[in-house]
Protein backbone atom coordinates (compact mmCIF):
# COMPACT_ATOMS: atom_id res chain seq x y z
CA UNK A 1 285.09 -92.03 -114.25
CA UNK A 2 283.75 -93.68 -117.37
CA UNK A 3 285.96 -94.88 -120.20
CA UNK A 4 285.64 -92.93 -123.42
CA UNK A 5 284.96 -94.66 -126.70
CA UNK A 6 286.54 -92.53 -129.38
CA UNK A 7 284.72 -91.76 -132.62
CA UNK A 8 285.77 -89.65 -135.60
CA UNK A 9 283.86 -86.65 -134.27
CA UNK A 10 285.20 -87.03 -130.72
CA UNK A 11 288.73 -87.39 -132.08
CA UNK A 12 288.18 -84.31 -134.26
CA UNK A 13 287.08 -82.15 -131.30
CA UNK A 14 290.14 -83.14 -129.28
CA UNK A 15 292.46 -82.77 -132.27
CA UNK A 16 291.22 -79.26 -133.10
CA UNK A 17 291.57 -78.19 -129.48
CA UNK A 18 295.08 -79.59 -129.17
CA UNK A 19 296.20 -78.06 -132.48
CA UNK A 20 295.70 -74.45 -131.41
CA UNK A 21 297.02 -72.14 -128.74
CA UNK A 22 294.12 -69.66 -128.83
CA UNK A 23 292.29 -71.32 -125.93
CA UNK A 24 289.06 -71.56 -127.93
CA UNK A 25 285.39 -71.57 -127.05
CA UNK A 26 283.11 -74.48 -127.91
CA UNK A 27 281.65 -72.34 -130.71
CA UNK A 28 285.12 -71.77 -132.19
CA UNK A 29 285.71 -75.54 -132.24
CA UNK A 30 282.26 -76.13 -133.75
CA UNK A 31 282.91 -73.60 -136.53
CA UNK A 32 286.21 -75.32 -137.40
CA UNK A 33 284.52 -78.73 -137.72
CA UNK A 34 281.05 -78.08 -139.15
CA UNK A 35 282.18 -78.10 -142.81
CA UNK A 36 283.93 -81.44 -142.39
CA UNK A 37 281.02 -82.88 -140.40
CA UNK A 38 277.77 -81.29 -141.68
CA UNK A 39 275.63 -83.21 -139.15
CA UNK A 40 277.79 -81.93 -136.30
CA UNK A 41 276.06 -79.90 -133.57
CA UNK A 42 277.26 -77.42 -131.00
CA UNK A 43 275.73 -79.70 -128.37
CA UNK A 44 278.06 -82.48 -129.52
CA UNK A 45 281.05 -80.20 -128.95
CA UNK A 46 279.85 -79.24 -125.45
CA UNK A 47 279.16 -82.86 -124.50
CA UNK A 48 282.59 -83.97 -125.68
CA UNK A 49 284.36 -81.10 -123.94
CA UNK A 50 282.55 -82.01 -120.73
CA UNK A 51 283.66 -85.63 -121.08
CA UNK A 52 287.23 -84.58 -121.86
CA UNK A 53 287.31 -82.36 -118.76
CA UNK A 54 286.00 -85.26 -116.67
CA UNK A 55 288.78 -87.48 -118.06
CA UNK A 56 291.47 -84.83 -117.53
CA UNK A 57 292.17 -84.51 -121.26
CA UNK A 58 291.32 -80.78 -121.38
CA UNK A 59 290.93 -77.97 -118.87
CA UNK A 60 288.90 -74.82 -118.65
CA UNK A 61 291.23 -71.84 -118.47
CA UNK A 62 288.78 -69.03 -117.80
CA UNK A 63 285.35 -67.71 -118.64
CA UNK A 64 285.62 -64.70 -120.95
CA UNK A 65 282.52 -62.75 -121.96
CA UNK A 66 280.35 -65.54 -120.57
CA UNK A 67 282.03 -68.31 -122.58
CA UNK A 68 284.31 -71.03 -121.24
CA UNK A 69 287.74 -71.10 -122.86
CA UNK A 70 289.49 -74.46 -123.14
CA UNK A 71 293.06 -75.71 -123.26
CA UNK A 72 294.20 -79.07 -124.62
CA UNK A 73 297.51 -78.74 -122.79
CA UNK A 74 296.87 -80.15 -119.34
CA UNK A 75 300.40 -79.98 -117.96
CA UNK A 76 300.84 -77.31 -115.30
CA UNK A 77 301.23 -73.84 -116.75
CA UNK A 78 299.84 -70.39 -116.03
CA UNK A 79 297.75 -68.15 -118.28
CA UNK A 80 297.27 -64.44 -118.92
CA UNK A 81 293.75 -63.25 -119.81
CA UNK A 82 293.28 -59.83 -121.40
CA UNK A 83 290.37 -57.97 -119.81
CA UNK A 84 290.01 -55.88 -122.96
CA UNK A 85 290.08 -58.22 -125.99
CA UNK A 86 289.61 -61.56 -124.20
CA UNK A 87 292.76 -63.15 -125.60
CA UNK A 88 294.44 -65.83 -123.49
CA UNK A 89 298.16 -66.55 -123.57
CA UNK A 90 300.21 -69.30 -121.99
CA UNK A 91 302.71 -68.11 -119.39
CA UNK A 92 305.57 -70.55 -119.74
CA UNK A 93 308.10 -68.97 -117.38
CA UNK A 94 306.19 -70.39 -114.37
CA UNK A 95 306.07 -74.03 -115.47
CA UNK A 96 307.85 -75.37 -112.40
CA UNK A 97 305.32 -74.53 -109.73
CA UNK A 98 305.40 -77.89 -107.95
CA UNK A 99 307.01 -76.13 -104.98
CA UNK A 100 303.87 -74.05 -104.66
CA UNK A 101 301.72 -77.16 -104.27
CA UNK A 102 303.99 -78.46 -101.52
CA UNK A 103 304.02 -75.10 -99.73
CA UNK A 104 300.21 -74.93 -99.73
CA UNK A 105 300.06 -78.50 -98.43
CA UNK A 106 302.36 -77.61 -95.52
CA UNK A 107 300.65 -74.30 -94.70
CA UNK A 108 297.08 -75.62 -94.81
CA UNK A 109 297.57 -79.31 -93.93
CA UNK A 110 295.92 -80.47 -97.15
CA UNK A 111 296.72 -82.51 -100.26
CA UNK A 112 296.93 -80.53 -103.52
CA UNK A 113 296.03 -82.52 -106.65
CA UNK A 114 296.51 -79.65 -109.06
CA UNK A 115 296.25 -75.89 -109.25
CA UNK A 116 295.40 -73.25 -111.80
CA UNK A 117 297.12 -69.89 -112.02
CA UNK A 118 295.63 -67.09 -114.12
CA UNK A 119 296.77 -63.50 -114.44
CA UNK A 120 294.31 -60.84 -115.63
CA UNK A 121 295.10 -57.46 -117.16
CA UNK A 122 295.64 -55.79 -120.52
CA UNK A 123 297.65 -57.58 -123.22
CA UNK A 124 300.50 -55.96 -125.09
CA UNK A 125 298.39 -55.30 -128.22
CA UNK A 126 295.58 -53.61 -126.30
CA UNK A 127 298.07 -51.70 -124.14
CA UNK A 128 299.81 -50.29 -127.22
CA UNK A 129 296.51 -49.51 -129.00
CA UNK A 130 295.34 -47.63 -125.92
CA UNK A 131 298.62 -45.69 -125.75
CA UNK A 132 298.36 -44.76 -129.44
CA UNK A 133 294.79 -43.51 -128.98
CA UNK A 134 295.82 -41.34 -126.03
CA UNK A 135 298.92 -39.89 -127.71
CA UNK A 136 298.56 -36.11 -128.06
CA UNK A 137 298.66 -34.60 -131.50
CA UNK A 138 301.57 -32.28 -132.15
CA UNK A 139 301.35 -29.26 -134.43
CA UNK A 140 303.26 -31.00 -137.21
CA UNK A 141 300.67 -33.77 -137.52
CA UNK A 142 297.67 -31.48 -137.91
């Protein structure tokens, strides 16, 4: 693993990623930084994200609509991905999953370095929007 030399742009990419909980795409990060750094390129963002992943500074949470979504929080936690709108939320009630690693190690005679847990479904907003669209009209509302 190579040592990273930090520059203003590299620091900016990591800072933007760590300052949000939206689990952004590379394009989202690029759009946040391009006004501050006019000579910034999307390729620079991708290269830095790749380096950060290699160094363990960021993780890929999921691929949504063909785009990788990133997280600057690398401590163990689960995620929920909405199949409808593509939003990603942290699931914090499962933070202590170290017992799961140990159980897998015992069951499969292996050594777990880390794991990733992702739930997929329909988020609360999309669920309620869908329910509202399906609600029957009553005579009083016509």
